[in-house]
Every structure is written in C-alpha cells, then in structure tokens.
Amino acid sequence: MLTLQSIQKALSLSRPIELFLFEHGTEKYAYTSGSRQHLHTDGLIYKPLSLKRGKVQRTAEDYKNQLSLDMPGDSPVPLLFRSHLPSNHVSIKVFQTQRDLPTESINIFAGEVTSVTWNNSIASLSCNPVSRSLTRQVLRCGYQSQCNHHLYDTRCGLQIQDWQEDTKVTAIKDNGFTVEVASKKNSDDYYITGLLSKNGSDFRMITSCSGNAFKLMSPIDGLKVGDAIQVAKGCDHSAASCHSFGNFDNFLGFLTIPTDNPFQVY
C-alpha cells in the first residue's frame, strides 16, 4: 500500500505539492503551489497561486521559527493588511501532500500572519507559529468600576445577532472613516462604541453617530456604496449599560472600590 512517506522516497512517483489555508473570521482563502486545483480532505478546493515560502524551523526559541511567505500583492490576504491591521486574526496552515495521493497530508506549519510588506507587486508575509502566542502575557482583568469583558465576547455572554440591525451603505466619506447608511432604528447614543460589520467578519468600532452617519475607528477595505452591513448596540462598560442589555449577571466590574487611599499621607 502506497503511503505519503513511500511516495516521497520513490523519486519517480513523487509529485509533491503544498497547500496554504488562510482564515480570517468566516472567510477562507485556499491556495496550492501546484499547477492545478486540488480538492483537499477538508472539502476546500485549493487554487493555484504563485507562492514562495521560507524554511520551516522548529527550535526552542519561537522568534526563530517565523515563516516568511511571498505571494502576489494584489491577492486577498495581503490586502487585508493594506491600510491597517485586520479586525480578526489571520491564521495560516501549511500542508504537504502528493498530487496522486490527495487523502494523505502532513501539517508542517500552523500560526498567524502578523505583518505584510510590499516590494513592487510582491507581498511578503511574516507568520508566527501558534506556540508564539503562548508566551504572551496579557492583563485580563483590572480592579476597576467598569466591566472587564469585551462586548459580545464569550464572557460577556451577549450574542451580537440579537443586538444588531441590517442596513445599506449610501455614502462613504473621509477616506472610509465615515459611513452613511440608509436607515437606523434607534437614537445616536445607542450605537456609540458599538460595532459596524460587513459579512459578519470585518468589525469596526463606532466612535460617534450623527443622524445616519457613523464615524468608525478605521475604514473597512473594500466597502462600497450599496453594500449590506450590520450595526450593533454599543456599551461603555458601566453598570448602567449592562443593565440596559439585561445582562448584569455577567457584569465584571468592582462597584465598591474604596475612595480613601490608605497610602495617601494627610
């Protein structure tokens, strides 16, 4: 019985190809280094694209295990980084397989795209391995009166679909920072610090709202007049805001912080 390893050893039979899977929210971009489309076991069709990757290393020092990848600069993945960091992580998986044995593959790299640089028409992607994220030390909670949860995350417990409404883009101004919509159902304050999204994967915070115009923290690439979008209720992380959602049971703020400082000298 032929296996992936036996085919690789048999030079006359070996026809290796590599598969590259990028995921950004619900969007998936699947490419192959081969010359024709490849149907993988995950059910995705990997399309041919000019790709050149660096050496995959596995050492005890994660910063040395970065993977570099060159691809056309006008392909969808680099364009996610064109004007700002994307709202969601862009993950990458690299598989090795054989053209004549599509049911067998080896995962040689898994991680996320952290930055993109352009050299004329070529985009160079820097990718960190999954293990790199395990070394990050992030302050999760603070001793504060405001809620520590992120709005609509798993700890907050609210489902964004229950608090968003559908509308359409009627105008885009200020280089994409201002988006005007066809209609909205609530007052301006309702949306401040809320989220405007496209396709349920590209989210931007709403910093202000005036009439049907929403000011965003950063533009959404590819957004155009006529696109269907969603706008969701905002939250200033106060106890009052949590009550307005009927979600105070999940509130993680400290409302009884003493006002007297024991270290202050009178």
C-alpha atoms as a PDB file:
ATOM      1  CA  MET A   1       0.000   0.000   0.000  1.00  0.00           C
ATOM      2  CA  LEU A   2       1.377   3.362  -1.001  1.00  0.00           C
ATOM      3  CA  THR A   3       1.779   5.904   1.758  1.00  0.00           C
ATOM      4  CA  LEU A   4       2.822   9.528   1.685  1.00  0.00           C
ATOM      5  CA  GLN A   5       6.268   8.622   3.010  1.00  0.00           C
ATOM      6  CA  SER A   6       6.820   5.812   0.491  1.00  0.00           C
ATOM      7  CA  ILE A   7       5.835   8.022  -2.434  1.00  0.00           C
ATOM      8  CA  GLN A   8       8.179  10.779  -1.248  1.00  0.00           C
ATOM      9  CA  LYS A   9      11.044   8.278  -1.119  1.00  0.00           C
ATOM     10  CA  ALA A  10      10.280   6.983  -4.600  1.00  0.00           C
ATOM     11  CA  LEU A  11      11.576   9.849  -6.712  1.00  0.00           C
ATOM     12  CA  SER A  12       9.914   8.546  -9.870  1.00  0.00           C
ATOM     13  CA  LEU A  13       6.470   8.671  -8.204  1.00  0.00           C
ATOM     14  CA  SER A  14       6.868  11.772  -6.080  1.00  0.00           C
ATOM     15  CA  ARG A  15       4.798  14.779  -7.225  1.00  0.00           C
ATOM     16  CA  PRO A  16       4.733  16.923  -4.082  1.00  0.00           C
ATOM     17  CA  ILE A  17       2.561  19.983  -3.669  1.00  0.00           C
ATOM     18  CA  GLU A  18       1.914  22.300  -0.749  1.00  0.00           C
ATOM     19  CA  LEU A  19      -1.413  23.676   0.417  1.00  0.00           C
ATOM     20  CA  PHE A  20      -1.855  27.045   2.142  1.00  0.00           C
ATOM     21  CA  LEU A  21      -5.037  27.781   4.078  1.00  0.00           C
ATOM     22  CA  PHE A  22      -5.707  31.299   5.391  1.00  0.00           C
ATOM     23  CA  GLU A  23      -8.675  32.044   7.656  1.00  0.00           C
ATOM     24  CA  HIS A  24      -9.995  35.482   8.585  1.00  0.00           C
ATOM     25  CA  GLY A  25     -13.202  35.265  10.599  1.00  0.00           C
ATOM     26  CA  THR A  26     -15.600  33.250   8.459  1.00  0.00           C
ATOM     27  CA  GLU A  27     -13.609  33.867   5.269  1.00  0.00           C
ATOM     28  CA  LYS A  28     -11.252  31.151   3.986  1.00  0.00           C
ATOM     29  CA  TYR A  29      -8.605  31.521   1.288  1.00  0.00           C
ATOM     30  CA  ALA A  30      -7.141  28.252  -0.008  1.00  0.00           C
ATOM     31  CA  TYR A  31      -4.158  28.113  -2.372  1.00  0.00           C
ATOM     32  CA  THR A  32      -1.805  25.474  -3.717  1.00  0.00           C
ATOM     33  CA  SER A  33       1.716  25.607  -5.066  1.00  0.00           C
ATOM     34  CA  GLY A  34       0.667  23.094  -7.716  1.00  0.00           C
ATOM     35  CA  SER A  35      -0.252  23.947 -11.269  1.00  0.00           C
ATOM     36  CA  ARG A  36      -3.892  22.891 -10.975  1.00  0.00           C
ATOM     37  CA  GLN A  37      -6.724  22.938  -8.472  1.00  0.00           C
ATOM     38  CA  HIS A  38      -6.589  20.485  -5.585  1.00  0.00           C
ATOM     39  CA  LEU A  39      -9.536  19.103  -3.607  1.00  0.00           C
ATOM     40  CA  HIS A  40      -8.342  18.524  -0.050  1.00  0.00           C
ATOM     41  CA  THR A  41      -9.820  16.335   2.675  1.00  0.00           C
ATOM     42  CA  ASP A  42     -11.247  19.445   4.392  1.00  0.00           C
ATOM     43  CA  GLY A  43     -13.641  19.832   1.453  1.00  0.00           C
ATOM     44  CA  LEU A  44     -11.995  23.011   0.166  1.00  0.00           C
ATOM     45  CA  ILE A  45     -10.718  23.489  -3.360  1.00  0.00           C
ATOM     46  CA  TYR A  46      -7.183  24.928  -3.279  1.00  0.00           C
ATOM     47  CA  LYS A  47      -6.497  27.207  -6.239  1.00  0.00           C
ATOM     48  CA  PRO A  48      -3.078  27.588  -7.911  1.00  0.00           C
ATOM     49  CA  LEU A  49      -1.139  30.710  -6.912  1.00  0.00           C
ATOM     50  CA  SER A  50       2.472  31.793  -7.190  1.00  0.00           C
ATOM     51  CA  LEU A  51       3.796  31.188  -3.659  1.00  0.00           C
ATOM     52  CA  LYS A  52       7.310  31.026  -2.266  1.00  0.00           C
ATOM     53  CA  ARG A  53       7.884  30.231   1.398  1.00  0.00           C
ATOM     54  CA  GLY A  54      10.924  30.282   3.608  1.00  0.00           C
ATOM     55  CA  LYS A  55      12.336  27.400   5.593  1.00  0.00           C
ATOM     56  CA  VAL A  56      10.184  25.845   8.312  1.00  0.00           C
ATOM     57  CA  GLN A  57      12.215  25.660  11.529  1.00  0.00           C
ATOM     58  CA  ARG A  58      11.476  24.126  14.906  1.00  0.00           C
ATOM     59  CA  THR A  59      13.714  25.406  17.681  1.00  0.00           C
ATOM     60  CA  ALA A  60      13.292  26.218  21.360  1.00  0.00           C
ATOM     61  CA  GLU A  61      13.300  29.936  20.509  1.00  0.00           C
ATOM     62  CA  ASP A  62       9.988  30.843  18.907  1.00  0.00           C
ATOM     63  CA  TYR A  63      11.234  34.043  17.296  1.00  0.00           C
ATOM     64  CA  LYS A  64      13.472  31.878  15.088  1.00  0.00           C
ATOM     65  CA  ASN A  65      10.500  29.776  13.968  1.00  0.00           C
ATOM     66  CA  GLN A  66       8.839  32.520  11.955  1.00  0.00           C
ATOM     67  CA  LEU A  67       7.770  31.595   8.436  1.00  0.00           C
ATOM     68  CA  SER A  68       8.159  34.048   5.554  1.00  0.00           C
ATOM     69  CA  LEU A  69       5.897  33.739   2.540  1.00  0.00           C
ATOM     70  CA  ASP A  70       5.912  35.662  -0.747  1.00  0.00           C
ATOM     71  CA  MET A  71       2.734  35.943  -2.825  1.00  0.00           C
ATOM     72  CA  PRO A  72       1.145  38.346  -5.326  1.00  0.00           C
ATOM     73  CA  GLY A  73       0.490  41.685  -3.666  1.00  0.00           C
ATOM     74  CA  ASP A  74      -2.999  42.016  -5.143  1.00  0.00           C
ATOM     75  CA  SER A  75      -4.269  38.716  -3.717  1.00  0.00           C
ATOM     76  CA  PRO A  76      -6.937  38.891  -0.969  1.00  0.00           C
ATOM     77  CA  VAL A  77      -4.786  38.008   2.055  1.00  0.00           C
ATOM     78  CA  PRO A  78      -2.173  40.812   1.756  1.00  0.00           C
ATOM     79  CA  LEU A  79      -4.930  43.323   1.001  1.00  0.00           C
ATOM     80  CA  LEU A  80      -6.366  42.685   4.479  1.00  0.00           C
ATOM     81  CA  PHE A  81      -3.262  44.492   5.817  1.00  0.00           C
ATOM     82  CA  ARG A  82      -3.161  47.253   3.205  1.00  0.00           C
ATOM     83  CA  SER A  83      -4.252  50.206   5.335  1.00  0.00           C
ATOM     84  CA  HIS A  84      -4.413  48.808   8.891  1.00  0.00           C
ATOM     85  CA  LEU A  85      -4.349  45.598  10.882  1.00  0.00           C
ATOM     86  CA  PRO A  86      -7.433  43.439  10.209  1.00  0.00           C
ATOM     87  CA  SER A  87     -10.090  43.244  12.903  1.00  0.00           C
ATOM     88  CA  ASN A  88      -9.634  39.476  13.316  1.00  0.00           C
ATOM     89  CA  HIS A  89      -6.530  37.319  13.385  1.00  0.00           C
ATOM     90  CA  VAL A  90      -5.460  35.880  10.034  1.00  0.00           C
ATOM     91  CA  SER A  91      -4.452  32.288  10.664  1.00  0.00           C
ATOM     92  CA  ILE A  92      -2.362  30.164   8.308  1.00  0.00           C
ATOM     93  CA  LYS A  93      -1.881  26.419   7.925  1.00  0.00           C
ATOM     94  CA  VAL A  94       0.583  24.819   5.535  1.00  0.00           C
ATOM     95  CA  PHE A  95       0.183  21.201   4.403  1.00  0.00           C
ATOM     96  CA  GLN A  96       2.400  18.942   2.331  1.00  0.00           C
ATOM     97  CA  THR A  97       0.742  16.313   0.178  1.00  0.00           C
ATOM     98  CA  GLN A  98       1.115  14.381  -3.065  1.00  0.00           C
ATOM     99  CA  ARG A  99      -0.883  15.158  -6.181  1.00  0.00           C
ATOM    100  CA  ASP A 100      -1.673  11.486  -6.703  1.00  0.00           C
ATOM    101  CA  LEU A 101      -2.498  10.793  -3.028  1.00  0.00           C
ATOM    102  CA  PRO A 102      -4.821  13.638  -2.010  1.00  0.00           C
ATOM    103  CA  THR A 103      -6.180  11.802   1.039  1.00  0.00           C
ATOM    104  CA  GLU A 104      -2.804  11.945   2.822  1.00  0.00           C
ATOM    105  CA  SER A 105      -1.154  15.140   4.072  1.00  0.00           C
ATOM    106  CA  ILE A 106       1.190  16.476   6.732  1.00  0.00           C
ATOM    107  CA  ASN A 107       0.649  19.768   8.559  1.00  0.00           C
ATOM    108  CA  ILE A 108       4.092  21.412   8.552  1.00  0.00           C
ATOM    109  CA  PHE A 109       3.151  24.837   9.929  1.00  0.00           C
ATOM    110  CA  ALA A 110       0.291  26.465  11.828  1.00  0.00           C
ATOM    111  CA  GLY A 111       0.217  30.029  13.074  1.00  0.00           C
ATOM    112  CA  GLU A 112      -0.950  33.524  12.183  1.00  0.00           C
ATOM    113  CA  VAL A 113       0.048  36.288   9.791  1.00  0.00           C
ATOM    114  CA  THR A 114       1.448  39.183  11.833  1.00  0.00           C
ATOM    115  CA  SER A 115       2.636  41.665   9.205  1.00  0.00           C
ATOM    116  CA  VAL A 116       2.865  42.286   5.468  1.00  0.00           C
ATOM    117  CA  THR A 117       5.357  44.314   3.456  1.00  0.00           C
ATOM    118  CA  TRP A 118       5.270  45.094  -0.257  1.00  0.00           C
ATOM    119  CA  ASN A 119       8.079  45.135  -2.803  1.00  0.00           C
ATOM    120  CA  ASN A 120       6.556  46.293  -6.079  1.00  0.00           C
ATOM    121  CA  SER A 121       3.945  43.636  -6.925  1.00  0.00           C
ATOM    122  CA  ILE A 122       5.121  41.062  -4.367  1.00  0.00           C
ATOM    123  CA  ALA A 123       3.809  40.913  -0.796  1.00  0.00           C
ATOM    124  CA  SER A 124       5.971  39.314   1.902  1.00  0.00           C
ATOM    125  CA  LEU A 125       4.055  37.831   4.817  1.00  0.00           C
ATOM    126  CA  SER A 126       5.618  37.260   8.244  1.00  0.00           C
ATOM    127  CA  CYS A 127       3.946  34.417  10.122  1.00  0.00           C
ATOM    128  CA  ASN A 128       4.382  33.432  13.762  1.00  0.00           C
ATOM    129  CA  PRO A 129       3.826  29.841  14.898  1.00  0.00           C
ATOM    130  CA  VAL A 130       0.938  29.014  17.216  1.00  0.00           C
ATOM    131  CA  SER A 131       3.374  28.403  20.075  1.00  0.00           C
ATOM    132  CA  ARG A 132       4.428  32.064  19.948  1.00  0.00           C
ATOM    133  CA  SER A 133       1.027  33.162  21.278  1.00  0.00           C
ATOM    134  CA  LEU A 134       1.539  31.054  24.401  1.00  0.00           C
ATOM    135  CA  THR A 135       4.359  33.370  25.524  1.00  0.00           C
ATOM    136  CA  ARG A 136       2.211  36.499  25.502  1.00  0.00           C
ATOM    137  CA  GLN A 137       1.433  37.939  28.898  1.00  0.00           C
ATOM    138  CA  VAL A 138      -1.748  39.965  28.733  1.00  0.00           C
ATOM    139  CA  LEU A 139      -3.536  41.651  31.620  1.00  0.00           C
ATOM    140  CA  ARG A 140      -7.005  40.131  31.506  1.00  0.00           C
ATOM    141  CA  CYS A 141      -8.754  41.959  34.337  1.00  0.00           C
ATOM    142  CA  GLY A 142      -8.292  45.263  36.128  1.00  0.00           C
ATOM    143  CA  TYR A 143      -9.555  46.416  39.519  1.00  0.00           C
ATOM    144  CA  GLN A 144     -11.959  48.987  38.134  1.00  0.00           C
ATOM    145  CA  SER A 145     -15.584  50.026  38.222  1.00  0.00           C
ATOM    146  CA  GLN A 146     -16.091  49.340  34.509  1.00  0.00           C
ATOM    147  CA  CYS A 147     -16.775  45.844  33.245  1.00  0.00           C
ATOM    148  CA  ASN A 148     -13.662  43.930  32.182  1.00  0.00           C
ATOM    149  CA  HIS A 149     -15.379  41.892  29.487  1.00  0.00           C
ATOM    150  CA  HIS A 150     -15.212  42.710  25.804  1.00  0.00           C
ATOM    151  CA  LEU A 151     -18.615  43.463  24.372  1.00  0.00           C
ATOM    152  CA  TYR A 152     -20.182  40.377  22.744  1.00  0.00           C
ATOM    153  CA  ASP A 153     -17.331  38.022  23.732  1.00  0.00           C
ATOM    154  CA  THR A 154     -17.954  34.647  25.384  1.00  0.00           C
ATOM    155  CA  ARG A 155     -17.522  36.040  28.895  1.00  0.00           C
ATOM    156  CA  CYS A 156     -19.899  38.906  28.203  1.00  0.00           C
ATOM    157  CA  GLY A 157     -22.426  36.326  27.050  1.00  0.00           C
ATOM    158  CA  LEU A 158     -24.385  38.583  24.691  1.00  0.00           C
ATOM    159  CA  GLN A 159     -24.999  37.416  21.130  1.00  0.00           C
ATOM    160  CA  ILE A 160     -24.292  40.202  18.670  1.00  0.00           C
ATOM    161  CA  GLN A 161     -27.018  38.907  16.339  1.00  0.00           C
ATOM    162  CA  ASP A 162     -29.615  39.833  18.977  1.00  0.00           C
ATOM    163  CA  TRP A 163     -28.489  43.483  19.087  1.00  0.00           C
ATOM    164  CA  GLN A 164     -27.649  44.372  15.503  1.00  0.00           C
ATOM    165  CA  GLU A 165     -29.767  45.606  12.630  1.00  0.00           C
ATOM    166  CA  ASP A 166     -29.354  45.374   8.876  1.00  0.00           C
ATOM    167  CA  THR A 167     -28.962  48.407   6.648  1.00  0.00           C
ATOM    168  CA  LYS A 168     -27.159  49.526   3.480  1.00  0.00           C
ATOM    169  CA  VAL A 169     -24.322  51.930   2.743  1.00  0.00           C
ATOM    170  CA  THR A 170     -25.477  55.108   0.966  1.00  0.00           C
ATOM    171  CA  ALA A 171     -22.237  57.117   1.102  1.00  0.00           C
ATOM    172  CA  ILE A 172     -18.602  56.774   2.191  1.00  0.00           C
ATOM    173  CA  LYS A 173     -16.637  59.868   3.228  1.00  0.00           C
ATOM    174  CA  ASP A 174     -13.394  60.901   4.955  1.00  0.00           C
ATOM    175  CA  ASN A 175     -11.397  58.137   3.225  1.00  0.00           C
ATOM    176  CA  GLY A 176     -13.688  55.488   4.675  1.00  0.00           C
ATOM    177  CA  PHE A 177     -13.799  56.771   8.243  1.00  0.00           C
ATOM    178  CA  THR A 178     -17.410  57.980   7.852  1.00  0.00           C
ATOM    179  CA  VAL A 179     -20.134  55.662   6.577  1.00  0.00           C
ATOM    180  CA  GLU A 180     -23.653  56.882   5.872  1.00  0.00           C
ATOM    181  CA  VAL A 181     -26.465  54.335   5.931  1.00  0.00           C
ATOM    182  CA  ALA A 182     -29.990  54.159   4.560  1.00  0.00           C
ATOM    183  CA  SER A 183     -31.694  53.888   7.946  1.00  0.00           C
ATOM    184  CA  LYS A 184     -31.285  53.126  11.629  1.00  0.00           C
ATOM    185  CA  LYS A 185     -33.846  52.214  14.269  1.00  0.00           C
ATOM    186  CA  ASN A 186     -32.501  53.850  17.434  1.00  0.00           C
ATOM    187  CA  SER A 187     -31.093  57.109  18.799  1.00  0.00           C
ATOM    188  CA  ASP A 188     -27.498  58.190  18.145  1.00  0.00           C
ATOM    189  CA  ASP A 189     -26.242  57.283  21.644  1.00  0.00           C
ATOM    190  CA  TYR A 190     -27.453  53.707  21.173  1.00  0.00           C
ATOM    191  CA  TYR A 191     -24.653  52.962  18.685  1.00  0.00           C
ATOM    192  CA  ILE A 192     -21.649  54.722  20.261  1.00  0.00           C
ATOM    193  CA  THR A 193     -18.848  52.168  20.970  1.00  0.00           C
ATOM    194  CA  GLY A 194     -20.934  49.641  19.091  1.00  0.00           C
ATOM    195  CA  LEU A 195     -19.830  47.716  16.017  1.00  0.00           C
ATOM    196  CA  LEU A 196     -20.369  48.140  12.298  1.00  0.00           C
ATOM    197  CA  SER A 197     -19.658  44.979  10.330  1.00  0.00           C
ATOM    198  CA  LYS A 198     -19.650  43.575   6.836  1.00  0.00           C
ATOM    199  CA  ASN A 199     -20.254  39.887   6.103  1.00  0.00           C
ATOM    200  CA  GLY A 200     -20.186  39.132   9.821  1.00  0.00           C
ATOM    201  CA  SER A 201     -16.386  39.019   9.899  1.00  0.00           C
ATOM    202  CA  ASP A 202     -14.968  42.523   9.445  1.00  0.00           C
ATOM    203  CA  PHE A 203     -15.871  44.627  12.500  1.00  0.00           C
ATOM    204  CA  ARG A 204     -15.133  48.274  13.259  1.00  0.00           C
ATOM    205  CA  MET A 205     -15.915  50.222  16.414  1.00  0.00           C
ATOM    206  CA  ILE A 206     -18.346  53.110  16.031  1.00  0.00           C
ATOM    207  CA  THR A 207     -16.785  56.151  17.700  1.00  0.00           C
ATOM    208  CA  SER A 208     -19.668  58.563  17.075  1.00  0.00           C
ATOM    209  CA  CYS A 209     -23.047  58.721  15.386  1.00  0.00           C
ATOM    210  CA  SER A 210     -24.930  61.699  13.983  1.00  0.00           C
ATOM    211  CA  GLY A 211     -28.127  61.016  12.140  1.00  0.00           C
ATOM    212  CA  ASN A 212     -27.436  58.254   9.642  1.00  0.00           C
ATOM    213  CA  ALA A 213     -23.669  58.876   9.613  1.00  0.00           C
ATOM    214  CA  PHE A 214     -21.355  56.584  11.578  1.00  0.00           C
ATOM    215  CA  LYS A 215     -17.762  57.520  12.383  1.00  0.00           C
ATOM    216  CA  LEU A 216     -15.507  54.450  12.504  1.00  0.00           C
ATOM    217  CA  MET A 217     -12.238  53.798  14.321  1.00  0.00           C
ATOM    218  CA  SER A 218     -10.728  52.693  10.989  1.00  0.00           C
ATOM    219  CA  PRO A 219     -12.048  52.124   7.440  1.00  0.00           C
ATOM    220  CA  ILE A 220     -13.217  48.772   6.110  1.00  0.00           C
ATOM    221  CA  ASP A 221     -11.305  47.792   2.987  1.00  0.00           C
ATOM    222  CA  GLY A 222     -13.498  47.022   0.010  1.00  0.00           C
ATOM    223  CA  LEU A 223     -16.634  48.600   1.485  1.00  0.00           C
ATOM    224  CA  LYS A 224     -18.663  50.378  -1.197  1.00  0.00           C
ATOM    225  CA  VAL A 225     -21.980  52.153  -1.658  1.00  0.00           C
ATOM    226  CA  GLY A 226     -24.848  49.669  -1.800  1.00  0.00           C
ATOM    227  CA  ASP A 227     -23.193  47.048   0.410  1.00  0.00           C
ATOM    228  CA  ALA A 228     -25.311  45.358   3.064  1.00  0.00           C
ATOM    229  CA  ILE A 229     -23.906  45.957   6.566  1.00  0.00           C
ATOM    230  CA  GLN A 230     -24.896  45.471  10.189  1.00  0.00           C
ATOM    231  CA  VAL A 231     -24.740  47.956  13.064  1.00  0.00           C
ATOM    232  CA  ALA A 232     -24.865  46.793  16.682  1.00  0.00           C
ATOM    233  CA  LYS A 233     -25.627  48.467  20.008  1.00  0.00           C
ATOM    234  CA  GLY A 234     -22.691  49.910  21.931  1.00  0.00           C
ATOM    235  CA  CYS A 235     -21.651  49.676  25.574  1.00  0.00           C
ATOM    236  CA  ASP A 236     -19.485  51.960  27.727  1.00  0.00           C
ATOM    237  CA  HIS A 237     -18.851  49.062  30.162  1.00  0.00           C
ATOM    238  CA  SER A 238     -20.672  50.788  33.013  1.00  0.00           C
ATOM    239  CA  ALA A 239     -23.144  49.034  35.284  1.00  0.00           C
ATOM    240  CA  ALA A 240     -25.944  51.158  33.795  1.00  0.00           C
ATOM    241  CA  SER A 241     -25.082  49.973  30.269  1.00  0.00           C
ATOM    242  CA  CYS A 242     -25.019  46.375  31.436  1.00  0.00           C
ATOM    243  CA  HIS A 243     -28.496  46.841  32.922  1.00  0.00           C
ATOM    244  CA  SER A 244     -29.694  48.255  29.579  1.00  0.00           C
ATOM    245  CA  PHE A 245     -28.797  44.913  27.983  1.00  0.00           C
ATOM    246  CA  GLY A 246     -30.400  42.972  30.854  1.00  0.00           C
ATOM    247  CA  ASN A 247     -27.002  41.340  31.344  1.00  0.00           C
ATOM    248  CA  PHE A 248     -25.937  42.491  34.809  1.00  0.00           C
ATOM    249  CA  ASP A 249     -25.421  38.893  35.983  1.00  0.00           C
ATOM    250  CA  ASN A 250     -22.306  38.831  33.766  1.00  0.00           C
ATOM    251  CA  PHE A 251     -21.021  42.247  34.846  1.00  0.00           C
ATOM    252  CA  LEU A 252     -17.344  42.092  35.889  1.00  0.00           C
ATOM    253  CA  GLY A 253     -16.653  45.478  37.417  1.00  0.00           C
ATOM    254  CA  PHE A 254     -15.986  46.437  41.035  1.00  0.00           C
ATOM    255  CA  LEU A 255     -18.540  48.936  42.259  1.00  0.00           C
ATOM    256  CA  THR A 256     -17.377  49.054  45.880  1.00  0.00           C
ATOM    257  CA  ILE A 257     -13.806  50.245  45.406  1.00  0.00           C
ATOM    258  CA  PRO A 258     -12.925  52.374  48.464  1.00  0.00           C
ATOM    259  CA  THR A 259     -12.466  56.061  47.743  1.00  0.00           C
ATOM    260  CA  ASP A 260      -9.939  56.518  50.564  1.00  0.00           C
ATOM    261  CA  ASN A 261      -6.328  55.810  49.633  1.00  0.00           C
ATOM    262  CA  PRO A 262      -4.558  54.160  52.607  1.00  0.00           C
ATOM    263  CA  PHE A 263      -1.179  55.203  51.196  1.00  0.00           C
ATOM    264  CA  GLN A 264      -2.030  58.857  50.983  1.00  0.00           C
ATOM    265  CA  VAL A 265      -0.443  60.973  53.711  1.00  0.00           C
ATOM    266  CA  TYR A 266      -2.702  63.584  55.233  1.00  0.00           C
END
